[in-house]
N, C-alpha and C. Protein backbone atom coordinates (compact mmCIF):
# COMPACT_ATOMS: atom_id res chain seq x y z
N MET A 1 -0.38 0.68 -69.04
CA MET A 1 0.22 1.76 -70.09
C MET A 1 -0.69 1.68 -71.26
N TYR A 2 -0.86 2.98 -71.75
CA TYR A 2 -1.65 3.11 -73.13
C TYR A 2 -0.68 3.11 -74.29
N ASP A 3 -0.79 2.44 -75.32
CA ASP A 3 0.09 2.45 -76.34
C ASP A 3 -0.60 3.24 -77.44
N PHE A 4 0.02 4.36 -77.97
CA PHE A 4 -0.49 5.13 -79.03
C PHE A 4 0.55 5.27 -80.07
N PRO A 5 0.15 5.40 -81.42
CA PRO A 5 1.01 5.48 -82.48
C PRO A 5 1.96 6.80 -82.15
N VAL A 6 3.19 6.62 -82.63
CA VAL A 6 4.28 7.81 -82.66
C VAL A 6 4.32 8.48 -83.99
N TYR A 7 3.83 9.73 -84.03
CA TYR A 7 3.88 10.36 -85.35
C TYR A 7 5.17 11.25 -85.35
N VAL A 8 5.85 11.16 -86.56
CA VAL A 8 7.06 11.81 -86.88
C VAL A 8 6.70 12.94 -87.94
N ARG A 9 6.68 14.11 -87.32
CA ARG A 9 6.30 15.27 -88.24
C ARG A 9 7.42 16.19 -88.29
N PRO A 10 7.77 16.96 -89.37
CA PRO A 10 8.89 17.97 -89.41
C PRO A 10 8.45 19.08 -88.49
N PHE A 11 9.45 19.70 -87.93
CA PHE A 11 9.28 20.81 -87.11
C PHE A 11 10.26 21.84 -87.45
N VAL A 12 9.87 23.16 -87.57
CA VAL A 12 10.72 24.22 -87.66
C VAL A 12 10.15 25.40 -86.82
N TYR A 13 11.11 26.07 -86.02
CA TYR A 13 10.60 27.00 -85.10
C TYR A 13 10.50 28.35 -85.68
N THR A 14 9.26 28.71 -86.02
CA THR A 14 9.02 29.96 -86.59
C THR A 14 8.05 30.77 -85.74
N PRO A 15 8.62 31.35 -84.78
CA PRO A 15 7.67 32.06 -83.66
C PRO A 15 6.84 33.24 -84.22
N PRO A 16 5.64 33.48 -83.76
CA PRO A 16 4.83 34.43 -84.32
C PRO A 16 5.52 35.88 -83.89
N THR A 17 5.18 36.85 -84.82
CA THR A 17 5.91 38.15 -84.65
C THR A 17 5.00 39.21 -83.81
N ASP A 18 3.79 38.62 -83.33
CA ASP A 18 2.85 39.48 -82.62
C ASP A 18 3.53 40.41 -81.55
N SER A 19 3.06 41.62 -81.35
CA SER A 19 3.56 42.46 -80.23
C SER A 19 2.90 41.86 -78.88
N LEU A 20 3.79 42.13 -77.95
CA LEU A 20 3.42 41.62 -76.55
C LEU A 20 2.03 42.03 -76.23
N CYS A 21 1.25 41.05 -75.74
CA CYS A 21 -0.19 41.39 -75.57
C CYS A 21 -0.27 41.33 -74.03
N LEU A 22 -0.42 42.38 -73.23
CA LEU A 22 -0.35 42.67 -71.87
C LEU A 22 -1.84 42.61 -71.45
N ILE A 23 -2.23 41.63 -70.54
CA ILE A 23 -3.64 41.60 -69.91
C ILE A 23 -3.68 42.54 -68.74
N ALA A 24 -2.70 42.51 -67.87
CA ALA A 24 -2.89 43.08 -66.76
C ALA A 24 -1.34 43.48 -66.10
N GLU A 25 -1.21 44.47 -65.28
CA GLU A 25 0.08 44.83 -64.70
C GLU A 25 -0.25 45.51 -63.33
N THR A 26 0.51 45.17 -62.22
CA THR A 26 0.35 45.66 -60.93
C THR A 26 1.88 45.81 -60.50
N LYS A 27 2.15 46.27 -59.31
CA LYS A 27 3.43 46.44 -58.82
C LYS A 27 4.07 45.00 -58.65
N ASP A 28 3.30 44.08 -58.47
CA ASP A 28 3.76 42.70 -58.24
C ASP A 28 3.94 41.70 -59.42
N TYR A 29 3.20 42.01 -60.51
CA TYR A 29 3.14 40.90 -61.65
C TYR A 29 2.78 41.56 -62.98
N LEU A 30 2.94 41.00 -64.00
CA LEU A 30 2.63 41.14 -65.29
C LEU A 30 1.60 39.86 -65.67
N LEU A 31 0.60 40.06 -66.32
CA LEU A 31 -0.23 38.95 -66.92
C LEU A 31 -0.27 39.10 -68.55
N VAL A 32 0.25 38.24 -69.21
CA VAL A 32 0.38 38.43 -70.48
C VAL A 32 -0.34 37.25 -71.25
N ASP A 33 -0.67 37.43 -72.39
CA ASP A 33 -1.42 36.59 -73.32
C ASP A 33 -0.33 35.95 -74.38
N LYS A 34 0.13 34.75 -74.20
CA LYS A 34 1.02 34.17 -75.06
C LYS A 34 0.35 33.56 -76.33
N PRO A 35 1.08 33.97 -77.49
CA PRO A 35 0.37 33.36 -78.70
C PRO A 35 1.09 31.93 -78.98
N ALA A 36 0.17 31.18 -79.66
CA ALA A 36 0.55 29.82 -80.05
C ALA A 36 1.83 29.84 -80.89
N GLY A 37 2.72 28.76 -80.72
CA GLY A 37 3.94 28.84 -81.57
C GLY A 37 5.13 29.49 -80.84
N LEU A 38 4.89 30.14 -79.88
CA LEU A 38 6.14 30.75 -79.13
C LEU A 38 6.51 30.03 -77.87
N LEU A 39 7.85 29.83 -77.76
CA LEU A 39 8.37 29.16 -76.45
C LEU A 39 8.03 30.04 -75.23
N SER A 40 7.91 29.41 -74.19
CA SER A 40 7.59 30.25 -72.85
C SER A 40 8.86 30.66 -72.33
N VAL A 41 9.98 29.76 -72.39
CA VAL A 41 11.29 30.20 -72.10
C VAL A 41 12.32 29.73 -73.20
N PRO A 42 13.49 30.21 -73.12
CA PRO A 42 14.47 29.88 -74.24
C PRO A 42 14.69 28.29 -74.42
N GLY A 43 14.82 27.95 -75.64
CA GLY A 43 15.24 26.62 -75.89
C GLY A 43 16.82 26.49 -76.12
N LYS A 44 17.18 25.29 -76.37
CA LYS A 44 18.71 25.07 -76.38
C LYS A 44 19.30 26.07 -77.46
N THR A 45 18.60 26.07 -78.63
CA THR A 45 19.15 26.97 -79.77
C THR A 45 18.17 28.06 -80.12
N GLU A 46 17.12 28.28 -79.35
CA GLU A 46 16.02 29.18 -79.83
C GLU A 46 15.98 30.32 -78.66
N PRO A 47 16.53 31.44 -78.74
CA PRO A 47 16.44 32.49 -77.77
C PRO A 47 15.17 33.11 -77.65
N ASP A 48 14.44 33.28 -78.89
CA ASP A 48 13.26 34.02 -78.79
C ASP A 48 12.13 33.28 -78.07
N CYS A 49 11.51 33.85 -77.11
CA CYS A 49 10.46 33.26 -76.23
C CYS A 49 9.82 34.32 -75.62
N LEU A 50 8.71 33.79 -74.97
CA LEU A 50 7.98 34.99 -74.12
C LEU A 50 8.73 35.53 -72.96
N GLU A 51 9.39 34.82 -72.31
CA GLU A 51 10.16 35.29 -71.21
C GLU A 51 11.13 36.56 -71.79
N ALA A 52 11.81 36.24 -72.85
CA ALA A 52 12.67 37.24 -73.34
C ALA A 52 11.82 38.55 -73.89
N ARG A 53 10.89 38.39 -74.43
CA ARG A 53 10.00 39.41 -74.90
C ARG A 53 9.50 40.18 -73.58
N VAL A 54 8.92 39.49 -72.63
CA VAL A 54 8.41 40.21 -71.37
C VAL A 54 9.54 40.91 -70.75
N GLN A 55 10.83 40.39 -70.74
CA GLN A 55 11.95 41.16 -70.19
C GLN A 55 12.38 42.27 -70.89
N SER A 56 12.02 42.38 -72.19
CA SER A 56 12.55 43.36 -72.96
C SER A 56 11.54 44.69 -72.51
N TYR A 57 10.24 44.34 -72.18
CA TYR A 57 9.44 45.38 -71.61
C TYR A 57 9.59 45.67 -70.16
N CYS A 58 9.89 44.62 -69.35
CA CYS A 58 10.26 44.74 -67.91
C CYS A 58 11.36 44.07 -67.57
N PRO A 59 12.52 44.55 -67.47
CA PRO A 59 13.74 43.86 -67.20
C PRO A 59 13.82 42.85 -66.02
N ASP A 60 12.89 43.27 -64.97
CA ASP A 60 12.98 42.62 -63.74
C ASP A 60 12.02 41.46 -63.66
N ALA A 61 11.41 41.15 -64.85
CA ALA A 61 10.20 40.11 -64.83
C ALA A 61 10.92 38.74 -64.56
N LEU A 62 10.20 37.87 -63.79
CA LEU A 62 10.64 36.59 -63.37
C LEU A 62 9.64 35.60 -63.66
N THR A 63 9.91 34.43 -64.33
CA THR A 63 9.10 33.41 -64.79
C THR A 63 8.58 32.62 -63.57
N ILE A 64 7.34 32.26 -63.51
CA ILE A 64 6.66 31.48 -62.47
C ILE A 64 6.31 30.10 -63.07
N HIS A 65 5.75 30.07 -64.33
CA HIS A 65 5.25 28.81 -64.72
C HIS A 65 5.26 28.88 -66.27
N ARG A 66 5.01 27.95 -66.95
CA ARG A 66 5.16 27.63 -68.19
C ARG A 66 3.82 27.25 -68.95
N LEU A 67 3.65 27.59 -70.48
CA LEU A 67 2.79 26.90 -71.29
C LEU A 67 3.47 26.12 -72.36
N ASP A 68 3.04 25.00 -72.83
CA ASP A 68 3.60 24.46 -74.04
C ASP A 68 3.75 25.54 -75.22
N MET A 69 4.79 25.30 -76.02
CA MET A 69 4.82 26.21 -77.06
C MET A 69 3.65 26.20 -77.90
N ALA A 70 2.97 25.18 -78.24
CA ALA A 70 1.87 25.17 -79.10
C ALA A 70 0.55 25.74 -78.61
N THR A 71 0.64 25.90 -77.15
CA THR A 71 -0.61 26.35 -76.43
C THR A 71 -0.55 27.82 -76.40
N SER A 72 -1.71 28.47 -76.50
CA SER A 72 -1.72 29.93 -76.25
C SER A 72 -2.47 30.34 -74.93
N GLY A 73 -2.44 31.45 -74.62
CA GLY A 73 -3.09 31.75 -73.35
C GLY A 73 -2.32 32.62 -72.23
N LEU A 74 -3.06 32.65 -71.03
CA LEU A 74 -2.45 33.44 -69.96
C LEU A 74 -1.36 32.99 -69.32
N MET A 75 -0.30 33.76 -69.15
CA MET A 75 0.94 33.52 -68.35
C MET A 75 1.19 34.59 -67.49
N ILE A 76 1.64 34.39 -66.14
CA ILE A 76 1.97 35.36 -65.15
C ILE A 76 3.36 35.50 -64.94
N PHE A 77 3.92 36.63 -64.88
CA PHE A 77 5.31 36.79 -64.39
C PHE A 77 5.37 37.83 -63.24
N ALA A 78 6.38 37.50 -62.30
CA ALA A 78 6.53 38.16 -61.11
C ALA A 78 7.45 39.50 -61.48
N LYS A 79 7.17 40.60 -60.69
CA LYS A 79 8.07 41.73 -60.95
C LYS A 79 8.96 41.89 -59.75
N THR A 80 8.78 41.18 -58.55
CA THR A 80 9.72 41.13 -57.35
C THR A 80 9.98 39.72 -57.03
N LYS A 81 10.99 39.50 -56.21
CA LYS A 81 11.25 38.22 -55.68
C LYS A 81 10.26 37.65 -54.73
N HIS A 82 9.57 38.63 -53.94
CA HIS A 82 8.48 38.31 -53.04
C HIS A 82 7.33 37.83 -53.87
N ALA A 83 7.06 38.47 -54.88
CA ALA A 83 5.87 37.95 -55.80
C ALA A 83 6.08 36.59 -56.31
N GLN A 84 7.36 36.49 -56.67
CA GLN A 84 7.67 35.16 -57.45
C GLN A 84 7.60 34.03 -56.44
N ARG A 85 7.96 34.22 -55.23
CA ARG A 85 7.76 33.17 -54.17
C ARG A 85 6.41 32.95 -53.85
N HIS A 86 5.59 33.96 -53.70
CA HIS A 86 4.19 33.88 -53.23
C HIS A 86 3.46 33.25 -54.34
N LEU A 87 3.53 33.55 -55.67
CA LEU A 87 2.74 32.99 -56.78
C LEU A 87 3.25 31.52 -57.06
N GLY A 88 4.59 31.41 -57.07
CA GLY A 88 5.24 30.21 -57.10
C GLY A 88 4.63 29.13 -56.31
N LEU A 89 4.54 29.51 -55.11
CA LEU A 89 3.83 28.49 -54.11
C LEU A 89 2.49 28.24 -54.34
N GLN A 90 1.68 29.24 -54.84
CA GLN A 90 0.28 28.97 -55.26
C GLN A 90 0.23 27.87 -56.28
N PHE A 91 1.19 27.90 -57.31
CA PHE A 91 1.14 27.13 -58.51
C PHE A 91 1.59 25.76 -57.79
N GLU A 92 2.71 25.70 -57.07
CA GLU A 92 3.21 24.49 -56.56
C GLU A 92 2.20 23.62 -55.63
N LYS A 93 1.39 24.40 -54.81
CA LYS A 93 0.57 23.82 -53.91
C LYS A 93 -0.93 23.61 -54.65
N ARG A 94 -0.96 23.82 -55.91
CA ARG A 94 -2.27 23.79 -56.65
C ARG A 94 -3.35 24.67 -56.05
N GLN A 95 -3.08 25.96 -55.68
CA GLN A 95 -4.01 26.73 -54.96
C GLN A 95 -4.54 27.82 -56.08
N THR A 96 -3.93 27.82 -57.21
CA THR A 96 -4.49 28.51 -58.52
C THR A 96 -5.69 27.82 -59.05
N ILE A 97 -6.48 28.38 -59.75
CA ILE A 97 -7.57 27.78 -60.52
C ILE A 97 -7.48 28.20 -61.89
N LYS A 98 -7.28 27.09 -62.78
CA LYS A 98 -6.88 27.23 -64.14
C LYS A 98 -8.08 26.67 -65.00
N SER A 99 -8.26 27.28 -66.08
CA SER A 99 -9.18 26.70 -67.17
C SER A 99 -8.66 26.88 -68.44
N TYR A 100 -8.91 25.88 -69.31
CA TYR A 100 -8.43 25.86 -70.64
C TYR A 100 -9.64 25.61 -71.59
N LEU A 101 -9.59 26.16 -72.84
CA LEU A 101 -10.62 25.86 -73.88
C LEU A 101 -9.96 24.98 -75.00
N ALA A 102 -10.62 24.06 -75.31
CA ALA A 102 -9.94 23.01 -76.48
C ALA A 102 -11.02 22.61 -77.45
N ASP A 103 -10.69 22.50 -78.63
CA ASP A 103 -11.43 21.80 -79.70
C ASP A 103 -11.11 20.47 -79.63
N ILE A 104 -11.85 19.37 -79.55
CA ILE A 104 -11.45 17.91 -79.64
C ILE A 104 -12.14 17.24 -80.87
N ALA A 105 -11.71 16.42 -81.34
CA ALA A 105 -12.29 15.68 -82.53
C ALA A 105 -13.24 14.85 -82.12
N GLY A 106 -14.40 14.72 -82.77
CA GLY A 106 -15.63 13.87 -82.40
C GLY A 106 -16.39 14.50 -81.27
N VAL A 107 -17.27 13.65 -80.82
CA VAL A 107 -18.29 14.08 -79.87
C VAL A 107 -18.39 13.06 -78.67
N PRO A 108 -17.83 13.42 -77.48
CA PRO A 108 -17.91 12.42 -76.34
C PRO A 108 -19.25 11.96 -76.09
N ARG A 109 -19.31 10.76 -75.43
CA ARG A 109 -20.59 10.18 -75.13
C ARG A 109 -21.41 10.86 -73.86
N SER A 110 -20.44 11.53 -73.01
CA SER A 110 -21.10 12.21 -71.94
C SER A 110 -20.71 13.63 -72.02
N ASN A 111 -21.37 14.63 -71.20
CA ASN A 111 -20.94 16.03 -71.32
C ASN A 111 -19.95 16.38 -70.43
N SER A 112 -19.60 15.59 -69.49
CA SER A 112 -18.48 16.02 -68.37
C SER A 112 -17.95 14.83 -67.94
N GLY A 113 -16.79 14.81 -67.24
CA GLY A 113 -16.08 13.83 -66.56
C GLY A 113 -14.77 14.36 -65.94
N ARG A 114 -14.23 13.25 -65.32
CA ARG A 114 -12.82 13.37 -64.73
C ARG A 114 -11.91 12.27 -65.17
N ILE A 115 -10.61 12.69 -65.53
CA ILE A 115 -9.76 11.67 -66.21
C ILE A 115 -8.57 11.74 -65.04
N ASN A 116 -8.30 10.54 -64.52
CA ASN A 116 -7.36 10.32 -63.63
C ASN A 116 -6.33 9.30 -64.07
N LEU A 117 -5.29 9.72 -64.82
CA LEU A 117 -4.33 8.84 -65.51
C LEU A 117 -2.86 9.39 -65.21
N PRO A 118 -1.97 8.58 -64.61
CA PRO A 118 -0.79 8.97 -64.25
C PRO A 118 0.12 9.20 -65.64
N ILE A 119 1.02 10.19 -65.50
CA ILE A 119 1.80 10.62 -66.71
C ILE A 119 3.32 10.42 -66.44
N TRP A 120 4.00 9.88 -67.44
CA TRP A 120 5.48 9.82 -67.45
C TRP A 120 6.01 10.24 -68.79
N THR A 121 7.33 10.55 -68.75
CA THR A 121 7.96 10.94 -69.96
C THR A 121 8.23 9.68 -70.77
N ASP A 122 7.96 9.82 -72.10
CA ASP A 122 8.32 8.84 -73.18
C ASP A 122 9.67 9.12 -73.61
N TRP A 123 10.61 8.54 -72.75
CA TRP A 123 12.02 9.09 -73.06
C TRP A 123 12.54 8.59 -74.50
N PRO A 124 12.18 7.60 -75.08
CA PRO A 124 12.66 7.28 -76.48
C PRO A 124 12.19 8.38 -77.56
N HIS A 125 10.96 8.99 -77.18
CA HIS A 125 10.20 9.64 -78.14
C HIS A 125 9.90 11.14 -77.54
N ARG A 126 10.86 11.68 -76.65
CA ARG A 126 10.71 12.95 -76.18
C ARG A 126 10.53 14.00 -77.34
N PRO A 127 9.67 15.14 -76.98
CA PRO A 127 9.11 15.43 -75.83
C PRO A 127 7.69 14.86 -75.39
N ARG A 128 7.51 13.79 -76.05
CA ARG A 128 6.22 13.05 -75.91
C ARG A 128 6.05 12.58 -74.42
N GLN A 129 4.78 12.52 -73.86
CA GLN A 129 4.59 11.89 -72.63
C GLN A 129 3.69 10.66 -72.83
N MET A 130 3.59 9.86 -71.80
CA MET A 130 2.84 8.77 -72.12
C MET A 130 2.12 8.31 -70.62
N ILE A 131 1.14 7.56 -70.67
CA ILE A 131 0.45 6.87 -69.42
C ILE A 131 1.27 5.89 -68.88
N ASP A 132 1.63 5.98 -67.58
CA ASP A 132 2.32 4.76 -67.06
C ASP A 132 1.81 4.66 -65.68
N PHE A 133 1.23 3.40 -65.32
CA PHE A 133 0.63 3.10 -64.16
C PHE A 133 1.71 2.85 -63.04
N GLU A 134 2.92 2.47 -63.45
CA GLU A 134 4.01 2.02 -62.58
C GLU A 134 4.84 3.15 -62.16
N LYS A 135 5.31 3.92 -63.14
CA LYS A 135 6.24 5.07 -62.83
C LYS A 135 5.45 6.48 -63.02
N GLY A 136 4.35 6.59 -63.47
CA GLY A 136 3.89 7.89 -63.73
C GLY A 136 3.36 8.63 -62.48
N ARG A 137 3.40 9.89 -62.69
CA ARG A 137 3.11 10.91 -61.60
C ARG A 137 1.51 11.25 -61.76
N PRO A 138 0.83 11.43 -60.67
CA PRO A 138 -0.68 11.58 -60.70
C PRO A 138 -0.92 12.69 -61.55
N ALA A 139 -1.94 12.47 -62.45
CA ALA A 139 -2.57 13.56 -63.16
C ALA A 139 -3.98 13.53 -63.25
N ILE A 140 -4.60 14.60 -63.01
CA ILE A 140 -6.16 14.62 -63.00
C ILE A 140 -6.73 15.83 -63.73
N THR A 141 -7.72 15.46 -64.69
CA THR A 141 -8.23 16.62 -65.43
C THR A 141 -9.70 16.49 -65.36
N ASP A 142 -10.50 17.64 -65.00
CA ASP A 142 -11.91 17.61 -65.04
C ASP A 142 -12.14 18.30 -66.56
N TRP A 143 -13.33 17.91 -67.03
CA TRP A 143 -13.60 18.34 -68.54
C TRP A 143 -15.23 18.53 -68.49
N ILE A 144 -15.63 19.56 -69.28
CA ILE A 144 -17.05 19.63 -69.45
C ILE A 144 -17.32 20.27 -70.92
N VAL A 145 -18.35 19.76 -71.57
CA VAL A 145 -18.53 20.17 -72.88
C VAL A 145 -19.28 21.54 -72.84
N THR A 146 -18.80 22.42 -73.63
CA THR A 146 -19.36 23.81 -73.64
C THR A 146 -20.11 24.02 -75.00
N GLU A 147 -19.70 23.36 -76.20
CA GLU A 147 -20.35 23.52 -77.38
C GLU A 147 -20.08 22.33 -78.30
N SER A 148 -21.13 21.68 -78.94
CA SER A 148 -21.14 20.40 -79.67
C SER A 148 -21.27 20.80 -81.12
N GLY A 149 -20.40 20.34 -82.16
CA GLY A 149 -20.59 20.39 -83.42
C GLY A 149 -20.91 19.02 -84.10
N ARG A 150 -20.90 18.94 -85.37
CA ARG A 150 -21.02 17.52 -86.04
C ARG A 150 -19.78 16.69 -85.98
N ASN A 151 -18.70 17.19 -86.09
CA ASN A 151 -17.49 16.60 -86.00
C ASN A 151 -16.42 16.90 -84.91
N SER A 152 -16.72 17.84 -84.23
CA SER A 152 -15.77 18.36 -83.19
C SER A 152 -16.67 18.89 -82.02
N THR A 153 -16.01 19.05 -80.79
CA THR A 153 -16.58 19.48 -79.54
C THR A 153 -15.56 20.49 -78.92
N ARG A 154 -16.25 21.53 -78.44
CA ARG A 154 -15.42 22.42 -77.70
C ARG A 154 -15.72 22.12 -76.19
N VAL A 155 -14.52 21.98 -75.46
CA VAL A 155 -14.65 21.48 -74.04
C VAL A 155 -13.87 22.59 -73.09
N CYS A 156 -14.22 22.62 -71.84
CA CYS A 156 -13.44 23.55 -70.81
C CYS A 156 -12.71 22.46 -70.07
N LEU A 157 -11.53 22.70 -69.90
CA LEU A 157 -10.65 21.74 -69.19
C LEU A 157 -10.11 22.31 -67.93
N HIS A 158 -10.21 21.58 -66.75
CA HIS A 158 -9.75 22.07 -65.46
C HIS A 158 -8.64 21.05 -64.90
N PRO A 159 -7.52 21.44 -65.25
CA PRO A 159 -6.37 20.50 -64.74
C PRO A 159 -6.23 20.67 -63.19
N LEU A 160 -6.19 19.58 -62.56
CA LEU A 160 -6.02 19.66 -61.01
C LEU A 160 -4.52 19.37 -60.62
N THR A 161 -3.93 18.97 -61.69
CA THR A 161 -2.37 18.82 -61.52
C THR A 161 -1.77 19.48 -62.71
N GLY A 162 -0.42 19.60 -62.78
CA GLY A 162 0.10 20.34 -63.78
C GLY A 162 1.25 19.62 -64.53
N ARG A 163 0.89 18.36 -65.01
CA ARG A 163 2.01 17.59 -65.68
C ARG A 163 2.07 18.10 -67.24
N SER A 164 3.28 17.94 -67.73
CA SER A 164 3.66 18.28 -69.09
C SER A 164 2.72 17.50 -69.91
N HIS A 165 2.14 18.28 -70.88
CA HIS A 165 1.15 17.66 -72.04
C HIS A 165 -0.11 17.04 -71.35
N GLN A 166 -0.40 17.30 -70.22
CA GLN A 166 -1.50 16.58 -69.40
C GLN A 166 -2.89 16.60 -70.21
N LEU A 167 -3.24 17.95 -70.55
CA LEU A 167 -4.53 17.87 -71.37
C LEU A 167 -4.48 17.28 -72.65
N ARG A 168 -3.45 17.41 -73.38
CA ARG A 168 -3.37 16.68 -74.72
C ARG A 168 -3.39 15.44 -74.64
N LEU A 169 -2.72 14.78 -73.68
CA LEU A 169 -2.68 13.36 -73.54
C LEU A 169 -3.97 12.75 -72.91
N HIS A 170 -4.54 13.50 -71.87
CA HIS A 170 -5.71 13.10 -71.34
C HIS A 170 -7.15 12.96 -72.34
N MET A 171 -6.96 14.05 -73.27
CA MET A 171 -8.10 14.17 -74.26
C MET A 171 -7.79 13.07 -75.37
N LEU A 172 -6.54 12.63 -75.59
CA LEU A 172 -6.18 11.52 -76.45
C LEU A 172 -6.87 10.10 -75.80
N CYS A 173 -6.53 9.98 -74.46
CA CYS A 173 -6.92 8.86 -73.76
C CYS A 173 -8.47 8.67 -73.73
N LEU A 174 -9.22 10.13 -73.82
CA LEU A 174 -10.73 9.97 -73.80
C LEU A 174 -11.20 9.48 -75.15
N GLY A 175 -10.24 9.42 -76.20
CA GLY A 175 -10.64 9.16 -77.46
C GLY A 175 -10.92 10.30 -78.47
N HIS A 176 -10.66 11.46 -77.95
CA HIS A 176 -10.85 12.65 -78.67
C HIS A 176 -9.71 13.57 -78.73
N PRO A 177 -8.74 13.39 -79.47
CA PRO A 177 -7.47 14.32 -79.54
C PRO A 177 -7.86 15.56 -79.82
N ILE A 178 -6.97 16.48 -79.45
CA ILE A 178 -7.25 17.96 -79.68
C ILE A 178 -6.83 18.25 -81.06
N ILE A 179 -7.64 19.02 -81.73
CA ILE A 179 -7.44 19.48 -83.21
C ILE A 179 -6.12 20.35 -83.38
N GLY A 180 -5.33 19.76 -84.28
CA GLY A 180 -4.00 20.49 -84.61
C GLY A 180 -3.00 19.99 -83.79
N ASP A 181 -3.04 19.08 -82.98
CA ASP A 181 -1.95 18.40 -82.16
C ASP A 181 -1.06 17.73 -82.90
N GLN A 182 0.17 18.30 -83.05
CA GLN A 182 1.29 17.69 -83.79
C GLN A 182 1.87 16.50 -83.24
N LEU A 183 1.88 16.36 -82.01
CA LEU A 183 2.43 15.28 -81.37
C LEU A 183 1.56 13.92 -81.12
N TYR A 184 0.36 14.27 -80.88
CA TYR A 184 -0.49 13.15 -80.54
C TYR A 184 -1.67 12.84 -81.40
N ALA A 185 -2.08 13.72 -82.32
CA ALA A 185 -3.29 13.54 -83.14
C ALA A 185 -2.92 12.67 -84.45
N PRO A 186 -3.91 11.84 -84.83
CA PRO A 186 -3.77 11.29 -86.17
C PRO A 186 -3.86 12.30 -87.28
N ASP A 187 -3.45 12.03 -88.49
CA ASP A 187 -3.22 12.91 -89.56
C ASP A 187 -4.48 13.80 -89.74
N GLU A 188 -5.69 13.01 -89.95
CA GLU A 188 -7.04 13.69 -90.15
C GLU A 188 -7.37 14.70 -89.11
N VAL A 189 -6.80 14.46 -87.91
CA VAL A 189 -7.15 15.50 -86.68
C VAL A 189 -6.08 16.59 -86.68
N PHE A 190 -4.84 16.19 -86.96
CA PHE A 190 -3.73 17.16 -87.05
C PHE A 190 -4.00 18.16 -88.05
N GLN A 191 -4.45 17.84 -89.30
CA GLN A 191 -4.43 18.77 -90.40
C GLN A 191 -5.60 19.57 -90.48
N GLN A 192 -6.55 19.48 -89.45
CA GLN A 192 -7.61 20.11 -89.42
C GLN A 192 -7.31 21.63 -89.03
N SER A 193 -6.25 22.00 -88.50
CA SER A 193 -5.82 23.30 -88.04
C SER A 193 -4.27 23.38 -88.21
N GLN A 194 -3.86 24.71 -88.44
CA GLN A 194 -2.45 24.98 -88.50
C GLN A 194 -1.91 25.18 -87.14
N ARG A 195 -2.73 25.18 -86.14
CA ARG A 195 -2.25 25.29 -84.72
C ARG A 195 -2.93 24.46 -83.77
N LEU A 196 -2.59 24.19 -82.69
CA LEU A 196 -3.12 23.36 -81.68
C LEU A 196 -4.28 24.11 -80.96
N HIS A 197 -5.47 23.55 -81.03
CA HIS A 197 -6.61 24.31 -80.46
C HIS A 197 -6.74 23.98 -79.00
N LEU A 198 -5.68 24.72 -78.27
CA LEU A 198 -5.65 24.57 -76.76
C LEU A 198 -5.25 25.89 -76.36
N HIS A 199 -6.04 26.59 -75.41
CA HIS A 199 -5.98 27.92 -74.99
C HIS A 199 -6.18 28.01 -73.43
N ALA A 200 -5.22 28.61 -72.79
CA ALA A 200 -5.26 28.88 -71.30
C ALA A 200 -6.21 30.05 -71.11
N HIS A 201 -7.42 29.73 -70.76
CA HIS A 201 -8.49 30.77 -70.99
C HIS A 201 -8.71 31.70 -69.80
N SER A 202 -8.53 31.17 -68.57
CA SER A 202 -8.69 31.74 -67.14
C SER A 202 -7.67 31.30 -66.27
N LEU A 203 -7.33 32.28 -65.35
CA LEU A 203 -6.46 32.07 -64.19
C LEU A 203 -6.95 32.84 -62.99
N LYS A 204 -7.16 32.13 -61.84
CA LYS A 204 -7.60 32.72 -60.61
C LYS A 204 -6.53 32.47 -59.54
N PHE A 205 -6.13 33.54 -58.84
CA PHE A 205 -4.98 33.34 -57.97
C PHE A 205 -5.17 34.37 -56.81
N ARG A 206 -4.38 34.30 -55.75
CA ARG A 206 -4.43 35.28 -54.75
C ARG A 206 -3.31 36.37 -54.98
N GLU A 207 -3.68 37.70 -54.72
CA GLU A 207 -2.63 38.72 -54.81
C GLU A 207 -1.61 38.37 -53.86
N PRO A 208 -0.38 38.78 -54.50
CA PRO A 208 0.99 38.64 -53.47
C PRO A 208 0.87 39.42 -52.49
N THR A 209 0.18 40.67 -52.60
CA THR A 209 0.14 41.70 -51.57
C THR A 209 -1.36 41.88 -51.20
N GLY A 210 -1.72 41.57 -50.03
CA GLY A 210 -3.02 41.59 -49.45
C GLY A 210 -3.73 40.31 -49.63
N GLY A 211 -3.61 39.47 -50.51
CA GLY A 211 -4.19 37.94 -50.57
C GLY A 211 -5.50 37.93 -51.13
N ASP A 212 -6.02 38.95 -51.74
CA ASP A 212 -7.31 38.82 -52.33
C ASP A 212 -7.30 38.03 -53.66
N TRP A 213 -8.43 37.39 -53.79
CA TRP A 213 -8.62 36.43 -54.97
C TRP A 213 -8.91 37.38 -56.21
N VAL A 214 -8.16 37.14 -57.19
CA VAL A 214 -8.46 37.83 -58.49
C VAL A 214 -8.49 36.85 -59.60
N LYS A 215 -9.25 37.13 -60.73
CA LYS A 215 -9.33 36.24 -61.82
C LYS A 215 -9.23 36.92 -63.08
N PHE A 216 -8.59 36.45 -63.88
CA PHE A 216 -8.37 37.05 -65.41
C PHE A 216 -8.66 36.04 -66.49
N LYS A 217 -9.11 36.62 -67.57
CA LYS A 217 -9.60 35.81 -68.71
C LYS A 217 -8.91 36.40 -70.05
N SER A 218 -8.73 35.46 -70.98
CA SER A 218 -8.14 35.78 -72.26
C SER A 218 -9.01 35.21 -73.30
N PRO A 219 -9.70 35.89 -74.30
CA PRO A 219 -10.48 35.49 -75.26
C PRO A 219 -9.86 34.48 -76.06
N CYS A 220 -10.83 33.44 -76.39
CA CYS A 220 -10.33 32.32 -77.22
C CYS A 220 -9.99 32.84 -78.69
N PRO A 221 -8.61 32.38 -79.23
CA PRO A 221 -8.41 32.94 -80.56
C PRO A 221 -8.77 31.99 -81.68
N PHE A 222 -9.37 30.86 -81.40
CA PHE A 222 -9.75 29.93 -82.40
C PHE A 222 -11.27 29.67 -82.43
């Protein structure tokens, strides 16, 4: 088990008021660009979320997957039950191909690698997650450097599993927390940005009708 400091930082839900950013729409699905700071689905006391905004545009929209509130980028919503089942199974069976862009503190020693560390909920400090070799669920992330600076590095992340906070926690374990990470980064890294520098950049999947592979991208906002 990895032992990292627990940071207690104030949180107020102030979701962005950006208009819905539609990337693509077919008879089967909607592809939307989620802004950072917006919940994917309703919270216990916070009804404003991407799901609600998408359903105000398309009342029949059905949620398939989620992104962390602090993460921006591509999310897909089904427009039919058939599409929801088809796309949902692709996510469940890890048949989709996802990539994220992140800015991490410091410069890694190598230009690429694979992180294979199991993740489990840190129950006393929820919503934090932790590395636990006894109870943790398998979690694998491939990463590659795309741009290096003096004090930070941009990496492309390919999660082969879909655990909560997987990319944030794996980068922390690599020794390079993601800039702006309220939950895991030390103060000097957290304070470098007013948002988490993690963006769901691309998504490749099979069409629910016909089965052709399609790929969509969202430009990095940071």
